[in-house]
Amino acid sequence: MLNALVVEDEEDIKQLLVDELEGRGYEVREAGNGVIAIQRVREQIPDIIFADVMLPVMDGFSLISKLRERRDTAKIPVVLVTALNAHDTEGRARKLGVKHHLTKPWEPWALDFVLEQALKPDADWSNERAKYQVYPPKSSI
């Protein structure tokens, strides 16, 4: 069983993400800020981390930066969960090795897609994107 760490300070968003991950068979632990998240990671290294950008005490970017400093946590896939536009966070996230975003609110397919991409980083996703297409196909007029 894969395990995930959800780092989110908004209880309703955190619970939604926990429920969705548990429904997919993940063992999920929670943290309400970056400091608690570091403690959770020290207790058990997760297979994947979902981290909000705007957190109290230690924000998501600082959390990721701390994780990247240690050899045993540097390669943990991180998904940024944010209400901010991906363009607002993308540059800073890429510098920290974060390639995946989940924008609040998300659709169930988006969570499935980001899980597959984050946990299978060497896969060729060129043909897979079609089944997760955001917009419905254009109708011919």
N, C-alpha and C. Protein backbone atom coordinates (compact mmCIF):
# COMPACT_ATOMS: atom_id res chain seq x y z
N MET A 1 0.84 -1.18 0.00
CA MET A 1 0.00 0.00 0.00
C MET A 1 0.89 1.24 0.00
N LEU A 2 0.57 2.17 -0.89
CA LEU A 2 1.30 3.43 -0.93
C LEU A 2 0.79 4.35 0.16
N ASN A 3 1.69 5.22 0.65
CA ASN A 3 1.26 6.18 1.65
C ASN A 3 1.50 7.60 1.18
N ALA A 4 0.59 8.46 1.59
CA ALA A 4 0.63 9.86 1.18
C ALA A 4 0.57 10.74 2.41
N LEU A 5 1.17 11.91 2.28
CA LEU A 5 1.09 12.93 3.32
C LEU A 5 0.36 14.12 2.71
N VAL A 6 -0.71 14.56 3.36
CA VAL A 6 -1.48 15.72 2.92
C VAL A 6 -1.17 16.87 3.87
N VAL A 7 -0.61 17.95 3.33
CA VAL A 7 -0.25 19.12 4.13
C VAL A 7 -1.15 20.26 3.69
N GLU A 8 -2.15 20.52 4.51
CA GLU A 8 -3.19 21.49 4.17
C GLU A 8 -3.77 22.06 5.45
N ASP A 9 -3.96 23.39 5.50
CA ASP A 9 -4.50 24.01 6.70
C ASP A 9 -6.01 24.21 6.65
N GLU A 10 -6.62 24.12 5.49
CA GLU A 10 -8.07 24.23 5.38
C GLU A 10 -8.67 22.85 5.60
N GLU A 11 -9.40 22.69 6.71
CA GLU A 11 -9.90 21.36 7.11
C GLU A 11 -10.76 20.70 6.04
N ASP A 12 -11.66 21.46 5.40
CA ASP A 12 -12.54 20.85 4.42
C ASP A 12 -11.76 20.35 3.20
N ILE A 13 -10.79 21.12 2.75
CA ILE A 13 -9.95 20.72 1.61
C ILE A 13 -9.10 19.52 2.01
N LYS A 14 -8.52 19.57 3.20
CA LYS A 14 -7.69 18.47 3.67
C LYS A 14 -8.51 17.18 3.74
N GLN A 15 -9.70 17.26 4.32
CA GLN A 15 -10.53 16.06 4.46
C GLN A 15 -10.96 15.52 3.11
N LEU A 16 -11.27 16.39 2.17
CA LEU A 16 -11.65 15.96 0.83
C LEU A 16 -10.51 15.19 0.16
N LEU A 17 -9.32 15.74 0.25
CA LEU A 17 -8.16 15.08 -0.35
C LEU A 17 -7.84 13.76 0.35
N VAL A 18 -7.91 13.75 1.67
CA VAL A 18 -7.69 12.51 2.43
C VAL A 18 -8.70 11.45 2.01
N ASP A 19 -9.98 11.82 1.94
CA ASP A 19 -11.02 10.87 1.56
C ASP A 19 -10.79 10.32 0.15
N GLU A 20 -10.42 11.21 -0.78
CA GLU A 20 -10.20 10.77 -2.16
C GLU A 20 -9.00 9.83 -2.25
N LEU A 21 -7.94 10.13 -1.53
CA LEU A 21 -6.76 9.27 -1.56
C LEU A 21 -7.04 7.92 -0.88
N GLU A 22 -7.71 7.95 0.26
CA GLU A 22 -8.05 6.70 0.94
C GLU A 22 -8.96 5.85 0.07
N GLY A 23 -9.86 6.50 -0.66
CA GLY A 23 -10.74 5.79 -1.58
C GLY A 23 -9.99 5.12 -2.72
N ARG A 24 -8.79 5.59 -2.99
CA ARG A 24 -7.93 5.00 -4.02
C ARG A 24 -6.94 4.00 -3.42
N GLY A 25 -7.08 3.72 -2.13
CA GLY A 25 -6.26 2.71 -1.49
C GLY A 25 -4.99 3.20 -0.82
N TYR A 26 -4.83 4.50 -0.66
CA TYR A 26 -3.65 5.05 0.00
C TYR A 26 -3.82 5.06 1.51
N GLU A 27 -2.72 4.87 2.21
CA GLU A 27 -2.67 5.16 3.64
C GLU A 27 -2.28 6.62 3.73
N VAL A 28 -3.08 7.43 4.42
CA VAL A 28 -2.88 8.88 4.41
C VAL A 28 -2.64 9.40 5.81
N ARG A 29 -1.61 10.26 5.91
CA ARG A 29 -1.35 11.01 7.14
C ARG A 29 -1.54 12.48 6.82
N GLU A 30 -1.76 13.28 7.84
CA GLU A 30 -2.10 14.69 7.65
C GLU A 30 -1.18 15.60 8.45
N ALA A 31 -1.06 16.82 7.95
CA ALA A 31 -0.35 17.88 8.67
C ALA A 31 -1.01 19.21 8.30
N GLY A 32 -1.10 20.10 9.27
CA GLY A 32 -1.73 21.40 9.04
C GLY A 32 -0.76 22.51 8.70
N ASN A 33 0.54 22.23 8.78
CA ASN A 33 1.55 23.22 8.40
C ASN A 33 2.86 22.50 8.08
N GLY A 34 3.83 23.24 7.57
CA GLY A 34 5.09 22.65 7.15
C GLY A 34 5.92 22.06 8.27
N VAL A 35 5.86 22.64 9.45
CA VAL A 35 6.64 22.14 10.58
C VAL A 35 6.14 20.76 10.99
N ILE A 36 4.82 20.62 11.10
CA ILE A 36 4.25 19.32 11.44
C ILE A 36 4.53 18.32 10.31
N ALA A 37 4.50 18.78 9.08
CA ALA A 37 4.80 17.91 7.94
C ALA A 37 6.21 17.33 8.04
N ILE A 38 7.18 18.16 8.41
CA ILE A 38 8.55 17.67 8.58
C ILE A 38 8.59 16.58 9.65
N GLN A 39 7.85 16.77 10.74
CA GLN A 39 7.79 15.75 11.79
C GLN A 39 7.19 14.46 11.25
N ARG A 40 6.11 14.57 10.48
CA ARG A 40 5.47 13.38 9.91
C ARG A 40 6.41 12.63 8.97
N VAL A 41 7.16 13.37 8.18
CA VAL A 41 8.12 12.76 7.25
C VAL A 41 9.22 12.04 8.01
N ARG A 42 9.67 12.61 9.11
CA ARG A 42 10.70 11.94 9.93
C ARG A 42 10.17 10.65 10.54
N GLU A 43 8.88 10.61 10.87
CA GLU A 43 8.28 9.39 11.43
C GLU A 43 8.16 8.29 10.37
N GLN A 44 7.78 8.69 9.16
CA GLN A 44 7.62 7.74 8.05
C GLN A 44 7.72 8.51 6.74
N ILE A 45 8.63 8.10 5.88
CA ILE A 45 8.79 8.78 4.59
C ILE A 45 7.65 8.36 3.68
N PRO A 46 6.87 9.34 3.20
CA PRO A 46 5.74 9.02 2.34
C PRO A 46 6.18 8.74 0.90
N ASP A 47 5.30 8.07 0.17
CA ASP A 47 5.54 7.83 -1.25
C ASP A 47 5.27 9.08 -2.08
N ILE A 48 4.38 9.93 -1.57
CA ILE A 48 4.01 11.17 -2.26
C ILE A 48 3.50 12.17 -1.23
N ILE A 49 3.73 13.46 -1.50
CA ILE A 49 3.26 14.52 -0.61
C ILE A 49 2.40 15.48 -1.42
N PHE A 50 1.25 15.84 -0.86
CA PHE A 50 0.39 16.88 -1.40
C PHE A 50 0.51 18.06 -0.45
N ALA A 51 1.04 19.18 -0.93
CA ALA A 51 1.31 20.32 -0.05
C ALA A 51 0.67 21.59 -0.59
N ASP A 52 -0.08 22.24 0.26
CA ASP A 52 -0.62 23.56 -0.05
C ASP A 52 0.55 24.53 -0.12
N VAL A 53 0.41 25.58 -0.90
CA VAL A 53 1.46 26.58 -0.99
C VAL A 53 1.38 27.53 0.21
N MET A 54 0.18 28.01 0.49
CA MET A 54 0.01 28.99 1.57
C MET A 54 -0.40 28.27 2.85
N LEU A 55 0.59 28.09 3.72
CA LEU A 55 0.40 27.40 4.99
C LEU A 55 0.88 28.28 6.14
N PRO A 56 0.31 28.12 7.32
CA PRO A 56 0.85 28.84 8.47
C PRO A 56 2.18 28.24 8.93
N VAL A 57 2.95 28.99 9.65
CA VAL A 57 4.22 28.60 10.27
C VAL A 57 5.32 28.39 9.23
N MET A 58 5.13 27.46 8.31
CA MET A 58 6.10 27.21 7.24
C MET A 58 5.32 26.94 5.96
N ASP A 59 5.51 27.78 4.93
CA ASP A 59 4.73 27.60 3.71
C ASP A 59 5.20 26.38 2.91
N GLY A 60 4.45 26.05 1.88
CA GLY A 60 4.75 24.88 1.08
C GLY A 60 6.11 24.92 0.41
N PHE A 61 6.53 26.08 -0.08
CA PHE A 61 7.84 26.18 -0.72
C PHE A 61 8.97 25.95 0.27
N SER A 62 8.84 26.48 1.48
CA SER A 62 9.86 26.26 2.51
C SER A 62 9.91 24.79 2.91
N LEU A 63 8.75 24.17 3.01
CA LEU A 63 8.69 22.74 3.31
C LEU A 63 9.44 21.93 2.26
N ILE A 64 9.15 22.21 1.00
CA ILE A 64 9.79 21.46 -0.08
C ILE A 64 11.30 21.70 -0.07
N SER A 65 11.70 22.94 0.16
CA SER A 65 13.12 23.27 0.22
C SER A 65 13.82 22.45 1.31
N LYS A 66 13.19 22.35 2.49
CA LYS A 66 13.76 21.55 3.59
C LYS A 66 13.85 20.08 3.20
N LEU A 67 12.83 19.56 2.55
CA LEU A 67 12.85 18.17 2.13
C LEU A 67 13.96 17.90 1.11
N ARG A 68 14.20 18.85 0.22
CA ARG A 68 15.21 18.68 -0.82
C ARG A 68 16.63 18.70 -0.27
N GLU A 69 16.81 19.22 0.94
CA GLU A 69 18.13 19.29 1.56
C GLU A 69 18.64 17.93 2.04
N ARG A 70 17.74 17.00 2.29
CA ARG A 70 18.13 15.70 2.85
C ARG A 70 18.10 14.62 1.78
N ARG A 71 19.10 13.78 1.79
CA ARG A 71 19.21 12.71 0.80
C ARG A 71 18.00 11.77 0.84
N ASP A 72 17.53 11.43 2.03
CA ASP A 72 16.43 10.47 2.15
C ASP A 72 15.06 11.03 1.78
N THR A 73 14.94 12.35 1.68
CA THR A 73 13.65 12.94 1.32
C THR A 73 13.69 13.77 0.03
N ALA A 74 14.85 13.92 -0.56
CA ALA A 74 15.02 14.79 -1.71
C ALA A 74 14.20 14.38 -2.93
N LYS A 75 13.95 13.10 -3.08
CA LYS A 75 13.29 12.61 -4.29
C LYS A 75 11.80 12.30 -4.10
N ILE A 76 11.24 12.63 -2.95
CA ILE A 76 9.82 12.38 -2.74
C ILE A 76 9.03 13.23 -3.74
N PRO A 77 8.13 12.62 -4.51
CA PRO A 77 7.30 13.43 -5.40
C PRO A 77 6.37 14.33 -4.59
N VAL A 78 6.32 15.59 -4.99
CA VAL A 78 5.47 16.56 -4.31
C VAL A 78 4.49 17.13 -5.33
N VAL A 79 3.23 17.20 -4.92
CA VAL A 79 2.19 17.84 -5.71
C VAL A 79 1.77 19.09 -4.96
N LEU A 80 1.90 20.23 -5.62
CA LEU A 80 1.44 21.48 -5.00
C LEU A 80 -0.07 21.56 -5.15
N VAL A 81 -0.75 21.79 -4.04
CA VAL A 81 -2.20 21.95 -4.04
C VAL A 81 -2.44 23.42 -3.74
N THR A 82 -3.03 24.12 -4.70
CA THR A 82 -3.12 25.56 -4.53
C THR A 82 -4.34 26.15 -5.23
N ALA A 83 -4.82 27.24 -4.69
CA ALA A 83 -5.88 28.00 -5.34
C ALA A 83 -5.25 29.04 -6.27
N LEU A 84 -3.95 29.20 -6.17
CA LEU A 84 -3.23 30.14 -7.04
C LEU A 84 -3.13 29.57 -8.44
N ASN A 85 -3.05 30.43 -9.40
CA ASN A 85 -2.85 30.01 -10.78
C ASN A 85 -1.49 29.33 -10.88
N ALA A 86 -1.40 28.27 -11.67
CA ALA A 86 -0.14 27.53 -11.82
C ALA A 86 0.98 28.45 -12.30
N HIS A 87 0.65 29.45 -13.08
CA HIS A 87 1.70 30.37 -13.56
C HIS A 87 2.31 31.16 -12.42
N ASP A 88 1.53 31.41 -11.37
CA ASP A 88 2.04 32.15 -10.21
C ASP A 88 3.08 31.35 -9.43
N THR A 89 2.98 30.04 -9.49
CA THR A 89 3.84 29.20 -8.66
C THR A 89 4.82 28.35 -9.46
N GLU A 90 4.60 28.24 -10.76
CA GLU A 90 5.35 27.29 -11.57
C GLU A 90 6.86 27.49 -11.54
N GLY A 91 7.34 28.70 -11.71
CA GLY A 91 8.78 28.93 -11.75
C GLY A 91 9.47 28.55 -10.46
N ARG A 92 8.93 28.99 -9.38
CA ARG A 92 9.52 28.67 -8.07
C ARG A 92 9.43 27.17 -7.79
N ALA A 93 8.32 26.56 -8.17
CA ALA A 93 8.14 25.13 -7.96
C ALA A 93 9.15 24.32 -8.77
N ARG A 94 9.34 24.68 -10.01
CA ARG A 94 10.29 23.95 -10.87
C ARG A 94 11.72 24.02 -10.31
N LYS A 95 12.09 25.16 -9.74
CA LYS A 95 13.42 25.29 -9.15
C LYS A 95 13.61 24.31 -7.99
N LEU A 96 12.51 23.93 -7.35
CA LEU A 96 12.55 22.98 -6.24
C LEU A 96 12.29 21.54 -6.70
N GLY A 97 12.16 21.35 -8.01
CA GLY A 97 11.95 20.01 -8.54
C GLY A 97 10.51 19.55 -8.51
N VAL A 98 9.58 20.47 -8.33
CA VAL A 98 8.16 20.12 -8.30
C VAL A 98 7.61 20.27 -9.71
N LYS A 99 7.00 19.20 -10.20
CA LYS A 99 6.49 19.19 -11.56
C LYS A 99 4.97 19.09 -11.62
N HIS A 100 4.32 18.93 -10.48
CA HIS A 100 2.90 18.62 -10.47
C HIS A 100 2.11 19.60 -9.62
N HIS A 101 0.97 20.04 -10.15
CA HIS A 101 0.07 20.96 -9.45
C HIS A 101 -1.33 20.35 -9.44
N LEU A 102 -2.05 20.61 -8.39
CA LEU A 102 -3.46 20.28 -8.30
C LEU A 102 -4.14 21.57 -7.88
N THR A 103 -4.94 22.13 -8.78
CA THR A 103 -5.56 23.43 -8.53
C THR A 103 -6.91 23.25 -7.86
N LYS A 104 -7.08 23.98 -6.75
CA LYS A 104 -8.36 23.95 -6.03
C LYS A 104 -9.39 24.75 -6.80
N PRO A 105 -10.59 24.31 -6.94
CA PRO A 105 -11.06 22.95 -6.70
C PRO A 105 -10.64 22.06 -7.87
N TRP A 106 -10.48 20.78 -7.63
CA TRP A 106 -10.05 19.86 -8.68
C TRP A 106 -11.15 18.86 -9.01
N GLU A 107 -11.02 18.29 -10.17
CA GLU A 107 -11.92 17.23 -10.61
C GLU A 107 -11.25 15.89 -10.28
N PRO A 108 -12.04 14.84 -10.05
CA PRO A 108 -11.45 13.53 -9.73
C PRO A 108 -10.43 13.06 -10.76
N TRP A 109 -10.68 13.32 -12.06
CA TRP A 109 -9.73 12.89 -13.08
C TRP A 109 -8.38 13.58 -12.91
N ALA A 110 -8.39 14.83 -12.42
CA ALA A 110 -7.13 15.56 -12.25
C ALA A 110 -6.28 14.91 -11.17
N LEU A 111 -6.90 14.45 -10.10
CA LEU A 111 -6.17 13.76 -9.05
C LEU A 111 -5.58 12.45 -9.59
N ASP A 112 -6.38 11.70 -10.33
CA ASP A 112 -5.88 10.45 -10.93
C ASP A 112 -4.69 10.73 -11.84
N PHE A 113 -4.80 11.75 -12.66
CA PHE A 113 -3.75 12.08 -13.62
C PHE A 113 -2.46 12.47 -12.90
N VAL A 114 -2.56 13.33 -11.90
CA VAL A 114 -1.36 13.79 -11.19
C VAL A 114 -0.73 12.65 -10.40
N LEU A 115 -1.54 11.75 -9.85
CA LEU A 115 -0.99 10.58 -9.15
C LEU A 115 -0.19 9.71 -10.12
N GLU A 116 -0.76 9.45 -11.27
CA GLU A 116 -0.06 8.62 -12.24
C GLU A 116 1.24 9.27 -12.70
N GLN A 117 1.19 10.55 -13.00
CA GLN A 117 2.39 11.24 -13.45
C GLN A 117 3.46 11.32 -12.37
N ALA A 118 3.07 11.63 -11.16
CA ALA A 118 4.04 11.81 -10.08
C ALA A 118 4.69 10.50 -9.67
N LEU A 119 3.93 9.42 -9.70
CA LEU A 119 4.47 8.14 -9.22
C LEU A 119 5.10 7.30 -10.33
N LYS A 120 4.91 7.70 -11.58
CA LYS A 120 5.54 7.02 -12.70
C LYS A 120 6.24 8.06 -13.58
N PRO A 121 7.27 8.69 -13.04
CA PRO A 121 7.88 9.84 -13.73
C PRO A 121 8.56 9.51 -15.06
N ASP A 122 8.91 8.27 -15.29
CA ASP A 122 9.61 7.92 -16.52
C ASP A 122 8.67 7.47 -17.64
N ALA A 123 7.38 7.46 -17.36
CA ALA A 123 6.41 7.00 -18.36
C ALA A 123 6.28 8.03 -19.48
N ASP A 124 5.89 7.57 -20.66
CA ASP A 124 5.62 8.44 -21.79
C ASP A 124 4.15 8.84 -21.72
N TRP A 125 3.87 10.12 -21.42
CA TRP A 125 2.50 10.57 -21.21
C TRP A 125 1.88 11.17 -22.46
N SER A 126 2.58 11.15 -23.59
CA SER A 126 2.06 11.81 -24.79
C SER A 126 0.72 11.25 -25.23
N ASN A 127 0.51 9.94 -25.14
CA ASN A 127 -0.76 9.34 -25.55
C ASN A 127 -1.78 9.28 -24.42
N GLU A 128 -1.33 9.40 -23.18
CA GLU A 128 -2.23 9.30 -22.03
C GLU A 128 -3.04 10.57 -21.80
N ARG A 129 -2.54 11.70 -22.24
CA ARG A 129 -3.21 12.96 -21.94
C ARG A 129 -4.62 13.02 -22.51
N ALA A 130 -4.85 12.33 -23.60
CA ALA A 130 -6.17 12.37 -24.24
C ALA A 130 -7.27 11.88 -23.30
N LYS A 131 -7.02 10.85 -22.52
CA LYS A 131 -8.08 10.34 -21.66
C LYS A 131 -8.34 11.24 -20.45
N TYR A 132 -7.48 12.22 -20.22
CA TYR A 132 -7.67 13.16 -19.12
C TYR A 132 -7.90 14.58 -19.63
N GLN A 133 -8.37 14.69 -20.86
CA GLN A 133 -8.53 15.98 -21.49
C GLN A 133 -9.47 16.86 -20.67
N VAL A 134 -9.06 18.10 -20.47
CA VAL A 134 -9.84 19.02 -19.66
C VAL A 134 -11.12 19.44 -20.34
N TYR A 135 -11.06 19.78 -21.60
CA TYR A 135 -12.20 20.31 -22.31
C TYR A 135 -12.87 19.23 -23.15
N PRO A 136 -14.19 19.30 -23.31
CA PRO A 136 -14.82 18.32 -24.18
C PRO A 136 -14.39 18.54 -25.62
N PRO A 137 -14.41 17.50 -26.44
CA PRO A 137 -13.99 17.66 -27.83
C PRO A 137 -14.87 18.70 -28.52
N LYS A 138 -14.26 19.42 -29.45
CA LYS A 138 -15.00 20.42 -30.21
C LYS A 138 -15.95 19.72 -31.18
N SER A 139 -17.16 20.22 -31.24
CA SER A 139 -18.10 19.61 -32.18
C SER A 139 -17.90 20.24 -33.56
N SER A 140 -18.15 19.46 -34.57
CA SER A 140 -18.02 20.00 -35.93
C SER A 140 -19.29 20.73 -36.29
N ILE A 141 -19.13 21.87 -36.90
CA ILE A 141 -20.30 22.69 -37.25
C ILE A 141 -20.56 22.60 -38.72
